[in-house]
């Protein structure tokens, strides 16, 4: 078989096995997907907010996907707008993807407590295919060709609606690439839809059930979850991601500035017998700004 045909066969096999090839990794910690993929989701809580998340998928599976994500945001109440900066690093076998993007959100306040946020984001997407990590079937040596790299502009938009305890949002990422135009270097459009409702059961206990839909290339998943918040300090939750995993998660506020969360995915798909699950840990920082008189204090986010 000619080398070029072998290379093509290996790449196609790798892409078929790796969900990362055509979709961004979906997070498991509470609220993480919302802030990672919707530029309209910027908290208005009189603080500079930081989220640092690290996910290792399919532990024990060779060349399994992994992602590290950093998000920093601030909301300027007097201007009804927020700004965010996100940096992500995602790997899966021979593939590596890095994205740096800035986000802008504008909030519209309606009578009766309704809020609608409009968001847009733009950045640079870097993708690399490391041929040294690909091998011939009959040869242990790596394929002797140079790495392939691409740096492309990247754009996204989103909407988020709030009313009392209700939160609903839609977002699309990588909007310039359709499914038909997707390649190893061009990620197709990703769509996210989510809905949740926050109930205050007592002064010390609240619950938030919700659902979400994620679509990336050929991958479609639904999330169904319920999270409990105890004394506004401890949170525990469960989630089912269709045909992929059962998820348990928990978190604790260390103090007024820092919170740490952890999620464990117990595989439910075809790979469940070949790995020991997925692990994800998140650090949240809320750095309070100087107290000011806000234009709309009743709309401060929890």
Protein backbone atom coordinates (compact mmCIF):
# COMPACT_ATOMS: atom_id res chain seq x y z
CA UNK A 1 0.00 0.00 0.00
CA UNK A 2 1.36 3.45 -0.89
CA UNK A 3 2.39 5.63 2.10
CA UNK A 4 -0.18 8.30 1.26
CA UNK A 5 -2.97 5.69 1.33
CA UNK A 6 -1.72 4.35 4.66
CA UNK A 7 -1.62 7.86 6.12
CA UNK A 8 -5.14 8.56 4.89
CA UNK A 9 -6.48 5.28 6.30
CA UNK A 10 -4.90 5.91 9.70
CA UNK A 11 -6.23 9.46 9.86
CA UNK A 12 -9.74 8.37 8.91
CA UNK A 13 -9.68 5.58 11.51
CA UNK A 14 -8.49 7.95 14.19
CA UNK A 15 -11.13 10.53 13.34
CA UNK A 16 -13.87 7.91 13.45
CA UNK A 17 -12.82 6.78 16.93
CA UNK A 18 -12.31 10.24 18.42
CA UNK A 19 -15.30 12.42 19.24
CA UNK A 20 -12.86 15.29 19.50
CA UNK A 21 -12.28 15.29 15.76
CA UNK A 22 -15.64 16.82 14.94
CA UNK A 23 -16.81 18.31 18.24
CA UNK A 24 -15.64 20.30 21.22
CA UNK A 25 -15.52 18.32 24.46
CA UNK A 26 -18.61 18.80 26.61
CA UNK A 27 -17.99 19.54 30.29
CA UNK A 28 -19.65 17.82 33.26
CA UNK A 29 -19.27 20.32 36.11
CA UNK A 30 -22.36 22.37 36.94
CA UNK A 31 -22.78 25.39 34.66
CA UNK A 32 -19.46 24.93 32.87
CA UNK A 33 -20.84 24.40 29.36
CA UNK A 34 -22.89 27.57 29.68
CA UNK A 35 -19.85 29.74 30.39
CA UNK A 36 -17.56 27.90 27.98
CA UNK A 37 -19.78 28.08 24.91
CA UNK A 38 -22.27 30.93 25.30
CA UNK A 39 -20.77 34.45 25.06
CA UNK A 40 -24.06 35.84 26.44
CA UNK A 41 -23.53 34.01 29.77
CA UNK A 42 -21.58 36.58 31.79
CA UNK A 43 -22.46 36.87 35.48
CA UNK A 44 -23.54 40.22 36.94
CA UNK A 45 -22.47 39.70 40.57
CA UNK A 46 -20.26 42.74 41.27
CA UNK A 47 -17.15 40.57 40.86
CA UNK A 48 -14.49 39.60 38.38
CA UNK A 49 -15.22 35.90 37.78
CA UNK A 50 -12.65 33.24 36.99
CA UNK A 51 -13.25 29.63 35.98
CA UNK A 52 -10.44 27.14 35.51
CA UNK A 53 -11.49 23.64 34.42
CA UNK A 54 -9.44 20.54 33.58
CA UNK A 55 -11.04 17.40 32.14
CA UNK A 56 -9.44 14.01 31.44
CA UNK A 57 -11.77 11.79 29.44
CA UNK A 58 -11.79 7.97 29.28
CA UNK A 59 -8.96 7.42 31.77
CA UNK A 60 -6.99 4.30 30.81
CA UNK A 61 -7.93 4.53 27.13
CA UNK A 62 -4.90 5.20 24.85
CA UNK A 63 -4.63 8.76 23.52
CA UNK A 64 -7.88 9.74 25.25
CA UNK A 65 -9.20 13.31 24.91
CA UNK A 66 -8.35 15.96 27.49
CA UNK A 67 -9.11 19.66 27.82
CA UNK A 68 -8.03 22.60 29.96
CA UNK A 69 -10.18 25.73 29.97
CA UNK A 70 -9.80 29.23 31.47
CA UNK A 71 -12.49 31.89 31.48
CA UNK A 72 -12.32 35.38 33.00
CA UNK A 73 -15.29 37.75 32.87
CA UNK A 74 -16.57 41.03 34.27
CA UNK A 75 -19.93 42.76 34.02
CA UNK A 76 -20.27 46.55 33.89
CA UNK A 77 -23.69 47.26 35.32
CA UNK A 78 -23.87 50.93 34.40
CA UNK A 79 -23.39 50.02 30.74
CA UNK A 80 -25.53 46.83 30.88
CA UNK A 81 -22.64 44.93 29.27
CA UNK A 82 -20.06 42.28 30.08
CA UNK A 83 -16.70 41.22 28.66
CA UNK A 84 -14.98 37.83 28.78
CA UNK A 85 -11.73 36.20 27.75
CA UNK A 86 -11.40 32.43 27.27
CA UNK A 87 -8.43 30.18 26.55
CA UNK A 88 -8.76 26.45 25.89
CA UNK A 89 -6.36 23.62 25.09
CA UNK A 90 -7.83 20.36 23.81
CA UNK A 91 -5.97 17.19 22.82
CA UNK A 92 -6.94 13.76 21.52
CA UNK A 93 -4.25 11.43 20.24
CA UNK A 94 -2.46 13.12 17.37
CA UNK A 95 -4.79 16.12 17.39
CA UNK A 96 -4.32 19.34 19.31
CA UNK A 97 -6.65 22.32 19.38
CA UNK A 98 -6.12 25.68 21.06
CA UNK A 99 -8.57 28.56 21.09
CA UNK A 100 -8.27 32.11 22.38
CA UNK A 101 -11.44 34.18 22.18
CA UNK A 102 -13.00 37.36 23.54
CA UNK A 103 -16.71 37.68 24.28
CA UNK A 104 -19.16 40.57 24.57
CA UNK A 105 -22.64 40.45 26.11
CA UNK A 106 -25.32 43.13 26.30
CA UNK A 107 -28.30 42.79 28.63
CA UNK A 108 -31.77 44.13 28.00
CA UNK A 109 -34.00 44.51 31.06
CA UNK A 110 -37.76 44.31 30.59
CA UNK A 111 -40.61 45.11 32.92
CA UNK A 112 -41.68 42.33 35.23
CA UNK A 113 -38.17 41.00 35.83
CA UNK A 114 -37.45 39.57 32.37
CA UNK A 115 -33.84 39.76 31.15
CA UNK A 116 -32.39 38.96 27.74
CA UNK A 117 -28.66 38.88 27.06
CA UNK A 118 -27.20 39.00 23.55
CA UNK A 119 -23.64 37.77 23.12
CA UNK A 120 -20.98 37.47 20.44
CA UNK A 121 -17.41 36.21 20.47
CA UNK A 122 -14.39 36.15 18.19
CA UNK A 123 -10.94 34.65 18.40
CA UNK A 124 -8.24 32.52 16.83
CA UNK A 125 -8.41 28.72 16.54
CA UNK A 126 -5.19 26.73 16.18
CA UNK A 127 -5.30 23.07 15.18
CA UNK A 128 -2.36 20.71 14.78
CA UNK A 129 -2.04 17.12 13.58
CA UNK A 130 1.13 15.50 14.94
CA UNK A 131 2.07 12.76 12.47
CA UNK A 132 4.77 11.43 14.84
CA UNK A 133 1.94 9.96 16.95
CA UNK A 134 0.52 8.01 14.01
CA UNK A 135 2.00 4.61 13.07
CA UNK A 136 1.90 2.11 10.24
CA UNK A 137 0.10 -1.15 11.00
CA UNK A 138 3.13 -3.20 10.07
CA UNK A 139 5.77 -0.78 11.34
CA UNK A 140 6.45 0.64 14.78
CA UNK A 141 8.10 3.76 13.41
CA UNK A 142 6.17 7.03 13.25
CA UNK A 143 5.08 8.36 9.87
CA UNK A 144 8.01 10.44 8.57
CA UNK A 145 6.20 13.64 7.60
CA UNK A 146 6.08 17.03 9.23
CA UNK A 147 3.26 18.24 11.46
CA UNK A 148 0.29 19.94 9.85
CA UNK A 149 -0.88 23.20 11.46
CA UNK A 150 -3.69 25.64 10.79
CA UNK A 151 -4.56 28.99 12.39
CA UNK A 152 -8.04 30.24 11.58
CA UNK A 153 -10.42 32.99 12.76
CA UNK A 154 -13.30 31.75 14.89
CA UNK A 155 -16.70 33.28 15.69
CA UNK A 156 -19.70 32.52 17.91
CA UNK A 157 -22.95 34.00 19.16
CA UNK A 158 -25.54 33.28 21.83
CA UNK A 159 -28.67 34.36 23.68
CA UNK A 160 -29.60 33.89 27.33
CA UNK A 161 -32.95 34.60 28.98
CA UNK A 162 -33.70 34.96 32.70
CA UNK A 163 -36.97 35.23 34.57
CA UNK A 164 -37.07 34.61 38.32
CA UNK A 165 -35.44 31.17 38.70
CA UNK A 166 -35.63 30.31 35.00
CA UNK A 167 -32.52 30.30 32.81
CA UNK A 168 -32.67 29.42 29.11
CA UNK A 169 -30.00 29.82 26.48
CA UNK A 170 -28.91 28.98 22.95
CA UNK A 171 -25.44 29.30 21.45
CA UNK A 172 -23.53 28.42 18.29
CA UNK A 173 -19.75 28.14 17.99
CA UNK A 174 -17.44 27.91 14.95
CA UNK A 175 -20.26 29.44 12.94
CA UNK A 176 -18.29 29.95 9.71
CA UNK A 177 -17.85 26.20 9.06
CA UNK A 178 -20.82 24.07 8.04
CA UNK A 179 -20.87 20.29 8.44
CA UNK A 180 -20.09 19.86 4.74
CA UNK A 181 -17.04 22.12 4.91
CA UNK A 182 -15.61 20.50 8.05
CA UNK A 183 -12.15 18.94 7.85
CA UNK A 184 -9.53 17.70 10.30
CA UNK A 185 -8.52 21.35 10.63
CA UNK A 186 -11.92 23.02 10.47
CA UNK A 187 -14.34 22.26 13.31
CA UNK A 188 -17.98 22.31 12.16
CA UNK A 189 -20.59 24.50 13.79
CA UNK A 190 -21.48 23.44 17.35
CA UNK A 191 -24.95 24.13 18.79
CA UNK A 192 -26.00 24.25 22.43
CA UNK A 193 -29.45 24.67 23.98
CA UNK A 194 -30.13 24.60 27.74
CA UNK A 195 -32.95 25.18 30.21
CA UNK A 196 -32.99 25.11 34.02
CA UNK A 197 -35.03 26.39 36.95
CA UNK A 198 -33.69 27.32 40.39
CA UNK A 199 -36.08 26.53 43.27
CA UNK A 200 -35.56 27.80 46.81
CA UNK A 201 -36.93 25.01 49.00
CA UNK A 202 -35.90 26.55 52.32
CA UNK A 203 -33.43 29.16 53.58
CA UNK A 204 -30.78 26.42 53.64
CA UNK A 205 -31.68 24.23 50.67
CA UNK A 206 -32.31 24.87 46.98
CA UNK A 207 -32.53 22.67 43.90
CA UNK A 208 -31.96 23.26 40.20
CA UNK A 209 -33.18 20.69 37.66
CA UNK A 210 -32.34 21.22 34.02
CA UNK A 211 -31.65 19.81 30.61
CA UNK A 212 -29.33 20.61 27.70
CA UNK A 213 -28.73 19.62 24.10
CA UNK A 214 -25.30 19.65 22.46
CA UNK A 215 -24.62 19.09 18.78
CA UNK A 216 -21.17 18.94 17.22
CA UNK A 217 -20.79 17.49 13.74
CA UNK A 218 -22.22 13.95 13.86
CA UNK A 219 -22.34 13.93 17.67
CA UNK A 220 -25.68 14.70 19.37
CA UNK A 221 -26.14 14.44 23.14
CA UNK A 222 -28.81 15.36 25.68
CA UNK A 223 -28.08 16.13 29.33
CA UNK A 224 -30.65 15.70 32.12
CA UNK A 225 -29.53 16.79 35.57
CA UNK A 226 -30.47 17.92 39.07
CA UNK A 227 -28.23 19.90 41.42
CA UNK A 228 -28.78 20.62 45.11
CA UNK A 229 -27.29 23.60 46.95
CA UNK A 230 -26.93 23.39 50.73
CA UNK A 231 -26.53 26.58 52.79
CA UNK A 232 -25.11 28.26 49.69
CA UNK A 233 -21.85 26.47 50.41
CA UNK A 234 -22.08 22.85 49.28
CA UNK A 235 -23.49 21.55 46.01
CA UNK A 236 -24.11 17.98 44.87
CA UNK A 237 -25.68 16.76 41.67
CA UNK A 238 -26.34 13.94 39.24
CA UNK A 239 -26.53 13.98 35.47
CA UNK A 240 -27.31 11.56 32.66
CA UNK A 241 -25.74 12.23 29.27
CA UNK A 242 -27.56 10.13 26.70
CA UNK A 243 -25.64 7.07 25.48
CA UNK A 244 -22.41 8.48 26.95
CA UNK A 245 -22.27 8.55 30.75
CA UNK A 246 -23.81 8.86 34.18
CA UNK A 247 -22.27 11.75 36.08
CA UNK A 248 -21.98 12.55 39.77
CA UNK A 249 -20.61 15.88 40.88
CA UNK A 250 -20.02 17.93 44.01
CA UNK A 251 -18.50 21.22 45.04
CA UNK A 252 -17.73 23.38 48.06
CA UNK A 253 -17.18 27.07 48.61
CA UNK A 254 -13.86 27.38 50.41
CA UNK A 255 -14.56 31.03 51.27
CA UNK A 256 -16.25 34.04 49.68
CA UNK A 257 -13.66 34.13 46.90
CA UNK A 258 -13.01 30.49 45.93
CA UNK A 259 -15.02 27.37 45.12
CA UNK A 260 -13.82 23.97 43.96
CA UNK A 261 -15.96 21.43 42.05
CA UNK A 262 -15.41 17.87 40.87
CA UNK A 263 -17.30 15.61 38.44
CA UNK A 264 -16.89 11.94 37.66
CA UNK A 265 -18.30 10.34 34.50
CA UNK A 266 -19.16 6.66 34.66
CA UNK A 267 -19.19 5.50 31.04
CA UNK A 268 -22.46 4.32 29.57
CA UNK A 269 -21.47 3.99 25.92
CA UNK A 270 -19.57 1.45 23.83
CA UNK A 271 -16.23 2.40 25.44
CA UNK A 272 -17.34 1.82 29.03
CA UNK A 273 -15.46 -1.49 29.30
CA UNK A 274 -12.19 0.01 28.09
CA UNK A 275 -11.67 2.91 30.50
CA UNK A 276 -12.15 3.82 34.15
CA UNK A 277 -14.35 6.87 33.56
CA UNK A 278 -13.68 10.56 33.11
CA UNK A 279 -12.51 13.05 35.72
CA UNK A 280 -13.07 16.80 35.79
CA UNK A 281 -12.06 19.41 38.34
CA UNK A 282 -12.95 23.10 38.36
CA UNK A 283 -11.76 26.08 40.39
CA UNK A 284 -14.02 29.14 40.56
CA UNK A 285 -12.79 32.51 41.74
CA UNK A 286 -15.02 35.51 42.51
CA UNK A 287 -13.02 38.64 43.19
CA UNK A 288 -15.36 41.28 44.56
CA UNK A 289 -15.14 44.81 43.22
CA UNK A 290 -15.60 47.93 45.31
CA UNK A 291 -19.23 48.33 46.38
CA UNK A 292 -21.11 50.72 44.13
CA UNK A 293 -24.71 51.80 43.74
CA UNK A 294 -26.01 49.65 40.91
CA UNK A 295 -28.54 50.77 38.35
CA UNK A 296 -30.50 47.50 38.58
CA UNK A 297 -29.70 45.76 41.87
CA UNK A 298 -32.68 43.41 41.60
CA UNK A 299 -31.00 41.71 38.63
CA UNK A 300 -27.78 40.70 40.38
CA UNK A 301 -26.93 37.08 39.50
CA UNK A 302 -26.50 34.46 42.18
